[in-house]
Amino acid sequence: MSAAAKEAGAEIRTSAEVKEVRVKDGVATGVVLAGGEEISAKAVISNADPRRTLLTLVDPTHLTPDFVMKLQNIRMPGTVAKVNLALSTLPKFTALNANDASLRGRIHIGPEIDYLERAFDESKYGNFSPHPYLEVTVPSLTDPSLAPNGKHVMVDLYAVRAVQAKECRLDSQRSSLGEIVVKTLAEYAPSLRRW
């Protein structure tokens, strides 16, 4: 994606905290970095949430009061944990009957409504579910440059709510979260058990 963006004329900077999105006549015209550097742009794209982008980075005086109120009332208690796996071979999901072409789309691990409800219940009480809802992709099947030749990358999105009830932090539980994801995946793709 970065290569395509650069080819289209984008400049990508990392570790460059944006302090402000500049707006003129209702149009974003650039950004101001935390260090004070101003960068003009034809377009500004934010990957921050809507409230942070439009109420913190953009001066709210550029927005209508009604729109500001709507932004302030957006409920965002949930989050998604992303677990990336480097794979030596493609996983064999038992339900796909060794059909590797099926791995090019999305795989949802959430076999029934009761399963999803139990996964959500755990997060309501500040816990990670031992049987989470997962959304899985293998992007190296469509973009082989993401992994060495013959190897693959799997991206697992774990739907969790903000787990603040027990003051539990995703950063401090990275390893256990990864183990939960791999264990859950292994129930559907036993070749992943070797991790």
C-alpha atoms as a PDB file:
ATOM      1  CA  MET A   1       0.000   0.000   0.000  1.00  0.00           C
ATOM      2  CA  SER A   2       2.835   2.381   0.836  1.00  0.00           C
ATOM      3  CA  ALA A   3       4.446   1.733  -2.559  1.00  0.00           C
ATOM      4  CA  ALA A   4       1.186   2.580  -4.334  1.00  0.00           C
ATOM      5  CA  ALA A   5       0.771   5.730  -2.234  1.00  0.00           C
ATOM      6  CA  LYS A   6       4.341   6.860  -2.983  1.00  0.00           C
ATOM      7  CA  GLU A   7       3.833   6.173  -6.673  1.00  0.00           C
ATOM      8  CA  ALA A   8       0.776   8.446  -6.549  1.00  0.00           C
ATOM      9  CA  GLY A   9       2.882  11.214  -5.007  1.00  0.00           C
ATOM     10  CA  ALA A  10       2.359  10.632  -1.275  1.00  0.00           C
ATOM     11  CA  GLU A  11       5.128  11.225   1.223  1.00  0.00           C
ATOM     12  CA  ILE A  12       5.034   8.851   4.186  1.00  0.00           C
ATOM     13  CA  ARG A  13       6.637   9.772   7.484  1.00  0.00           C
ATOM     14  CA  THR A  14       6.712   7.613  10.578  1.00  0.00           C
ATOM     15  CA  SER A  15       7.302   8.799  14.145  1.00  0.00           C
ATOM     16  CA  ALA A  16       5.984  12.219  13.109  1.00  0.00           C
ATOM     17  CA  GLU A  17       3.254  13.148  15.574  1.00  0.00           C
ATOM     18  CA  VAL A  18       0.627  15.480  14.147  1.00  0.00           C
ATOM     19  CA  LYS A  19      -0.433  18.270  16.494  1.00  0.00           C
ATOM     20  CA  GLU A  20      -2.935  20.008  14.226  1.00  0.00           C
ATOM     21  CA  VAL A  21      -4.726  19.643  10.898  1.00  0.00           C
ATOM     22  CA  ARG A  22      -4.791  23.028   9.174  1.00  0.00           C
ATOM     23  CA  VAL A  23      -8.112  24.052   7.605  1.00  0.00           C
ATOM     24  CA  LYS A  24      -8.880  26.957   5.289  1.00  0.00           C
ATOM     25  CA  ASP A  25     -12.332  27.713   3.886  1.00  0.00           C
ATOM     26  CA  GLY A  26     -13.613  24.350   5.102  1.00  0.00           C
ATOM     27  CA  VAL A  27     -10.845  22.317   3.419  1.00  0.00           C
ATOM     28  CA  ALA A  28      -7.881  20.590   5.067  1.00  0.00           C
ATOM     29  CA  THR A  29      -4.718  22.218   3.700  1.00  0.00           C
ATOM     30  CA  GLY A  30      -1.990  20.460   5.656  1.00  0.00           C
ATOM     31  CA  VAL A  31      -0.711  19.524   9.100  1.00  0.00           C
ATOM     32  CA  VAL A  32       1.475  20.907  11.851  1.00  0.00           C
ATOM     33  CA  LEU A  33       3.799  18.389  13.500  1.00  0.00           C
ATOM     34  CA  ALA A  34       4.484  18.296  17.244  1.00  0.00           C
ATOM     35  CA  GLY A  35       7.924  19.783  16.562  1.00  0.00           C
ATOM     36  CA  GLY A  36       6.349  22.793  14.842  1.00  0.00           C
ATOM     37  CA  GLU A  37       7.040  21.847  11.214  1.00  0.00           C
ATOM     38  CA  GLU A  38       4.181  22.738   8.869  1.00  0.00           C
ATOM     39  CA  ILE A  39       3.451  20.503   5.895  1.00  0.00           C
ATOM     40  CA  SER A  40       1.080  21.673   3.160  1.00  0.00           C
ATOM     41  CA  ALA A  41      -0.957  19.019   1.371  1.00  0.00           C
ATOM     42  CA  LYS A  42      -3.646  18.629  -1.266  1.00  0.00           C
ATOM     43  CA  ALA A  43      -5.308  15.998   0.931  1.00  0.00           C
ATOM     44  CA  VAL A  44      -5.006  14.975   4.581  1.00  0.00           C
ATOM     45  CA  ILE A  45      -5.899  11.447   5.671  1.00  0.00           C
ATOM     46  CA  SER A  46      -6.176  10.573   9.358  1.00  0.00           C
ATOM     47  CA  ASN A  47      -6.108   7.076  10.809  1.00  0.00           C
ATOM     48  CA  ALA A  48      -7.096   8.418  14.227  1.00  0.00           C
ATOM     49  CA  ASP A  49     -10.650   7.948  15.460  1.00  0.00           C
ATOM     50  CA  PRO A  50     -13.253  10.560  14.408  1.00  0.00           C
ATOM     51  CA  ARG A  51     -13.304  12.324  17.777  1.00  0.00           C
ATOM     52  CA  ARG A  52      -9.523  12.695  17.989  1.00  0.00           C
ATOM     53  CA  THR A  53      -9.306  13.806  14.351  1.00  0.00           C
ATOM     54  CA  LEU A  54     -12.159  16.300  14.331  1.00  0.00           C
ATOM     55  CA  LEU A  55     -12.212  17.535  17.939  1.00  0.00           C
ATOM     56  CA  THR A  56      -8.492  17.538  18.744  1.00  0.00           C
ATOM     57  CA  LEU A  57      -6.483  17.776  15.524  1.00  0.00           C
ATOM     58  CA  VAL A  58      -8.969  20.005  13.697  1.00  0.00           C
ATOM     59  CA  ASP A  59     -10.007  23.199  15.457  1.00  0.00           C
ATOM     60  CA  PRO A  60     -13.725  22.617  16.266  1.00  0.00           C
ATOM     61  CA  THR A  61     -14.493  26.206  15.220  1.00  0.00           C
ATOM     62  CA  HIS A  62     -14.370  24.858  11.643  1.00  0.00           C
ATOM     63  CA  LEU A  63     -17.315  22.558  12.426  1.00  0.00           C
ATOM     64  CA  THR A  64     -20.990  23.276  13.036  1.00  0.00           C
ATOM     65  CA  PRO A  65     -22.151  23.050  16.673  1.00  0.00           C
ATOM     66  CA  ASP A  66     -24.593  20.260  15.731  1.00  0.00           C
ATOM     67  CA  PHE A  67     -21.796  18.209  14.139  1.00  0.00           C
ATOM     68  CA  VAL A  68     -19.525  18.780  17.173  1.00  0.00           C
ATOM     69  CA  MET A  69     -22.305  17.545  19.479  1.00  0.00           C
ATOM     70  CA  LYS A  70     -22.770  14.425  17.346  1.00  0.00           C
ATOM     71  CA  LEU A  71     -19.020  13.742  17.454  1.00  0.00           C
ATOM     72  CA  GLN A  72     -18.955  14.160  21.229  1.00  0.00           C
ATOM     73  CA  ASN A  73     -21.738  11.585  21.548  1.00  0.00           C
ATOM     74  CA  ILE A  74     -20.094   8.839  19.503  1.00  0.00           C
ATOM     75  CA  ARG A  75     -19.711   5.814  21.753  1.00  0.00           C
ATOM     76  CA  MET A  76     -16.430   4.015  21.183  1.00  0.00           C
ATOM     77  CA  PRO A  77     -15.918   1.562  24.043  1.00  0.00           C
ATOM     78  CA  GLY A  78     -14.703  -1.237  21.801  1.00  0.00           C
ATOM     79  CA  THR A  79     -11.400  -1.981  20.231  1.00  0.00           C
ATOM     80  CA  VAL A  80      -9.789  -4.571  18.049  1.00  0.00           C
ATOM     81  CA  ALA A  81      -6.549  -6.318  18.867  1.00  0.00           C
ATOM     82  CA  LYS A  82      -4.485  -7.254  15.826  1.00  0.00           C
ATOM     83  CA  VAL A  83      -2.284 -10.348  15.936  1.00  0.00           C
ATOM     84  CA  ASN A  84       0.107 -10.895  13.021  1.00  0.00           C
ATOM     85  CA  LEU A  85       1.464 -14.388  12.468  1.00  0.00           C
ATOM     86  CA  ALA A  86       4.411 -15.374  10.273  1.00  0.00           C
ATOM     87  CA  LEU A  87       3.682 -18.815   8.822  1.00  0.00           C
ATOM     88  CA  SER A  88       6.049 -21.331   7.294  1.00  0.00           C
ATOM     89  CA  THR A  89       3.135 -22.872   5.348  1.00  0.00           C
ATOM     90  CA  LEU A  90      -0.519 -22.151   4.764  1.00  0.00           C
ATOM     91  CA  PRO A  91      -2.810 -23.387   7.525  1.00  0.00           C
ATOM     92  CA  LYS A  92      -5.198 -26.195   6.682  1.00  0.00           C
ATOM     93  CA  PHE A  93      -8.669 -25.302   7.916  1.00  0.00           C
ATOM     94  CA  THR A  94     -10.690 -28.504   8.324  1.00  0.00           C
ATOM     95  CA  ALA A  95     -13.894 -26.878   7.056  1.00  0.00           C
ATOM     96  CA  LEU A  96     -12.199 -25.841   3.794  1.00  0.00           C
ATOM     97  CA  ASN A  97     -11.157 -29.352   2.729  1.00  0.00           C
ATOM     98  CA  ALA A  98      -7.600 -28.245   1.838  1.00  0.00           C
ATOM     99  CA  ASN A  99      -8.961 -25.583  -0.513  1.00  0.00           C
ATOM    100  CA  ASP A 100      -6.218 -22.938  -0.356  1.00  0.00           C
ATOM    101  CA  ALA A 101      -8.156 -20.662  -2.736  1.00  0.00           C
ATOM    102  CA  SER A 102     -10.716 -20.146   0.042  1.00  0.00           C
ATOM    103  CA  LEU A 103      -8.003 -18.516   2.167  1.00  0.00           C
ATOM    104  CA  ARG A 104      -7.921 -15.521  -0.199  1.00  0.00           C
ATOM    105  CA  GLY A 105     -11.030 -14.049   1.430  1.00  0.00           C
ATOM    106  CA  ARG A 106     -11.949 -13.478   5.047  1.00  0.00           C
ATOM    107  CA  ILE A 107     -12.376 -16.226   7.565  1.00  0.00           C
ATOM    108  CA  HIS A 108     -14.680 -15.599  10.503  1.00  0.00           C
ATOM    109  CA  ILE A 109     -14.299 -17.601  13.684  1.00  0.00           C
ATOM    110  CA  GLY A 110     -17.614 -17.215  15.455  1.00  0.00           C
ATOM    111  CA  PRO A 111     -19.641 -20.313  14.650  1.00  0.00           C
ATOM    112  CA  GLU A 112     -22.936 -19.364  16.306  1.00  0.00           C
ATOM    113  CA  ILE A 113     -24.757 -16.573  18.119  1.00  0.00           C
ATOM    114  CA  ASP A 114     -24.238 -18.163  21.559  1.00  0.00           C
ATOM    115  CA  TYR A 115     -20.465 -18.330  20.909  1.00  0.00           C
ATOM    116  CA  LEU A 116     -20.426 -14.617  20.020  1.00  0.00           C
ATOM    117  CA  GLU A 117     -22.496 -13.764  23.092  1.00  0.00           C
ATOM    118  CA  ARG A 118     -20.114 -15.659  25.407  1.00  0.00           C
ATOM    119  CA  ALA A 119     -17.111 -13.970  23.797  1.00  0.00           C
ATOM    120  CA  PHE A 120     -18.716 -10.572  24.352  1.00  0.00           C
ATOM    121  CA  ASP A 121     -19.731 -11.423  27.942  1.00  0.00           C
ATOM    122  CA  GLU A 122     -16.099 -11.991  28.893  1.00  0.00           C
ATOM    123  CA  SER A 123     -15.102  -8.566  27.608  1.00  0.00           C
ATOM    124  CA  LYS A 124     -18.002  -6.892  29.462  1.00  0.00           C
ATOM    125  CA  TYR A 125     -16.367  -8.029  32.690  1.00  0.00           C
ATOM    126  CA  GLY A 126     -12.859  -6.941  31.738  1.00  0.00           C
ATOM    127  CA  ASN A 127     -11.537 -10.307  30.560  1.00  0.00           C
ATOM    128  CA  PHE A 128     -10.207 -11.650  27.288  1.00  0.00           C
ATOM    129  CA  SER A 129     -12.453 -14.395  26.016  1.00  0.00           C
ATOM    130  CA  PRO A 130     -10.734 -17.785  25.789  1.00  0.00           C
ATOM    131  CA  HIS A 131     -12.943 -18.368  22.728  1.00  0.00           C
ATOM    132  CA  PRO A 132     -12.934 -15.039  20.871  1.00  0.00           C
ATOM    133  CA  TYR A 133     -14.611 -13.905  17.708  1.00  0.00           C
ATOM    134  CA  LEU A 134     -11.821 -13.639  15.111  1.00  0.00           C
ATOM    135  CA  GLU A 135     -11.618 -12.202  11.626  1.00  0.00           C
ATOM    136  CA  VAL A 136      -8.711 -13.765   9.761  1.00  0.00           C
ATOM    137  CA  THR A 137      -6.998 -12.933   6.475  1.00  0.00           C
ATOM    138  CA  VAL A 138      -3.889 -14.207   4.716  1.00  0.00           C
ATOM    139  CA  PRO A 139      -2.821 -11.104   2.767  1.00  0.00           C
ATOM    140  CA  SER A 140       0.353 -12.734   1.422  1.00  0.00           C
ATOM    141  CA  LEU A 141      -1.863 -14.803  -0.907  1.00  0.00           C
ATOM    142  CA  THR A 142      -2.817 -11.662  -2.805  1.00  0.00           C
ATOM    143  CA  ASP A 143       0.462  -9.778  -2.216  1.00  0.00           C
ATOM    144  CA  PRO A 144       3.383 -12.246  -2.101  1.00  0.00           C
ATOM    145  CA  SER A 145       5.820  -9.406  -1.336  1.00  0.00           C
ATOM    146  CA  LEU A 146       4.561  -9.425   2.271  1.00  0.00           C
ATOM    147  CA  ALA A 147       6.469 -12.624   3.121  1.00  0.00           C
ATOM    148  CA  PRO A 148       9.544 -14.527   1.958  1.00  0.00           C
ATOM    149  CA  ASN A 149       9.048 -16.921  -0.950  1.00  0.00           C
ATOM    150  CA  GLY A 150       6.870 -19.862   0.092  1.00  0.00           C
ATOM    151  CA  LYS A 151       6.003 -18.303   3.468  1.00  0.00           C
ATOM    152  CA  HIS A 152       2.874 -16.438   4.526  1.00  0.00           C
ATOM    153  CA  VAL A 153       1.518 -13.768   6.808  1.00  0.00           C
ATOM    154  CA  MET A 154      -1.762 -14.185   8.649  1.00  0.00           C
ATOM    155  CA  VAL A 155      -3.592 -11.226  10.175  1.00  0.00           C
ATOM    156  CA  ASP A 156      -6.025 -11.983  12.985  1.00  0.00           C
ATOM    157  CA  LEU A 157      -8.386  -9.333  14.292  1.00  0.00           C
ATOM    158  CA  TYR A 158      -9.676 -10.111  17.779  1.00  0.00           C
ATOM    159  CA  ALA A 159     -12.843  -8.182  18.611  1.00  0.00           C
ATOM    160  CA  VAL A 160     -12.593  -7.037  22.227  1.00  0.00           C
ATOM    161  CA  ARG A 161     -14.158  -4.270  24.257  1.00  0.00           C
ATOM    162  CA  ALA A 162     -12.071  -1.888  26.261  1.00  0.00           C
ATOM    163  CA  VAL A 163     -10.923  -4.097  29.097  1.00  0.00           C
ATOM    164  CA  GLN A 164     -10.651  -1.459  31.788  1.00  0.00           C
ATOM    165  CA  ALA A 165     -12.773  -3.132  34.428  1.00  0.00           C
ATOM    166  CA  LYS A 166      -9.773  -4.997  35.818  1.00  0.00           C
ATOM    167  CA  GLU A 167      -7.228  -2.384  34.746  1.00  0.00           C
ATOM    168  CA  CYS A 168      -5.963  -4.858  32.207  1.00  0.00           C
ATOM    169  CA  ARG A 169      -3.852  -3.420  29.388  1.00  0.00           C
ATOM    170  CA  LEU A 170      -3.448  -4.971  25.950  1.00  0.00           C
ATOM    171  CA  ASP A 171       0.255  -4.057  25.933  1.00  0.00           C
ATOM    172  CA  SER A 172       0.997  -6.016  29.105  1.00  0.00           C
ATOM    173  CA  GLN A 173      -0.925  -9.073  27.894  1.00  0.00           C
ATOM    174  CA  ARG A 174       0.371  -9.321  24.347  1.00  0.00           C
ATOM    175  CA  SER A 175       1.761 -12.822  24.758  1.00  0.00           C
ATOM    176  CA  SER A 176      -1.339 -14.315  26.374  1.00  0.00           C
ATOM    177  CA  LEU A 177      -3.552 -12.646  23.764  1.00  0.00           C
ATOM    178  CA  GLY A 178      -1.422 -14.193  20.995  1.00  0.00           C
ATOM    179  CA  GLU A 179      -1.685 -17.606  22.645  1.00  0.00           C
ATOM    180  CA  ILE A 180      -5.485 -17.299  22.853  1.00  0.00           C
ATOM    181  CA  VAL A 181      -5.654 -16.406  19.152  1.00  0.00           C
ATOM    182  CA  VAL A 182      -3.404 -19.298  18.069  1.00  0.00           C
ATOM    183  CA  LYS A 183      -5.235 -21.783  20.324  1.00  0.00           C
ATOM    184  CA  THR A 184      -8.600 -20.666  18.916  1.00  0.00           C
ATOM    185  CA  LEU A 185      -7.341 -20.861  15.329  1.00  0.00           C
ATOM    186  CA  ALA A 186      -5.888 -24.319  15.982  1.00  0.00           C
ATOM    187  CA  GLU A 187      -9.373 -25.606  16.794  1.00  0.00           C
ATOM    188  CA  TYR A 188     -10.251 -24.892  13.144  1.00  0.00           C
ATOM    189  CA  ALA A 189      -6.814 -25.304  11.568  1.00  0.00           C
ATOM    190  CA  PRO A 190      -4.971 -27.997  13.582  1.00  0.00           C
ATOM    191  CA  SER A 191      -1.669 -27.398  11.743  1.00  0.00           C
ATOM    192  CA  LEU A 192      -1.295 -24.174  13.758  1.00  0.00           C
ATOM    193  CA  ARG A 193      -0.939 -26.129  17.041  1.00  0.00           C
ATOM    194  CA  ARG A 194       2.832 -26.354  16.548  1.00  0.00           C
ATOM    195  CA  TRP A 195       3.346 -22.725  17.595  1.00  0.00           C
END
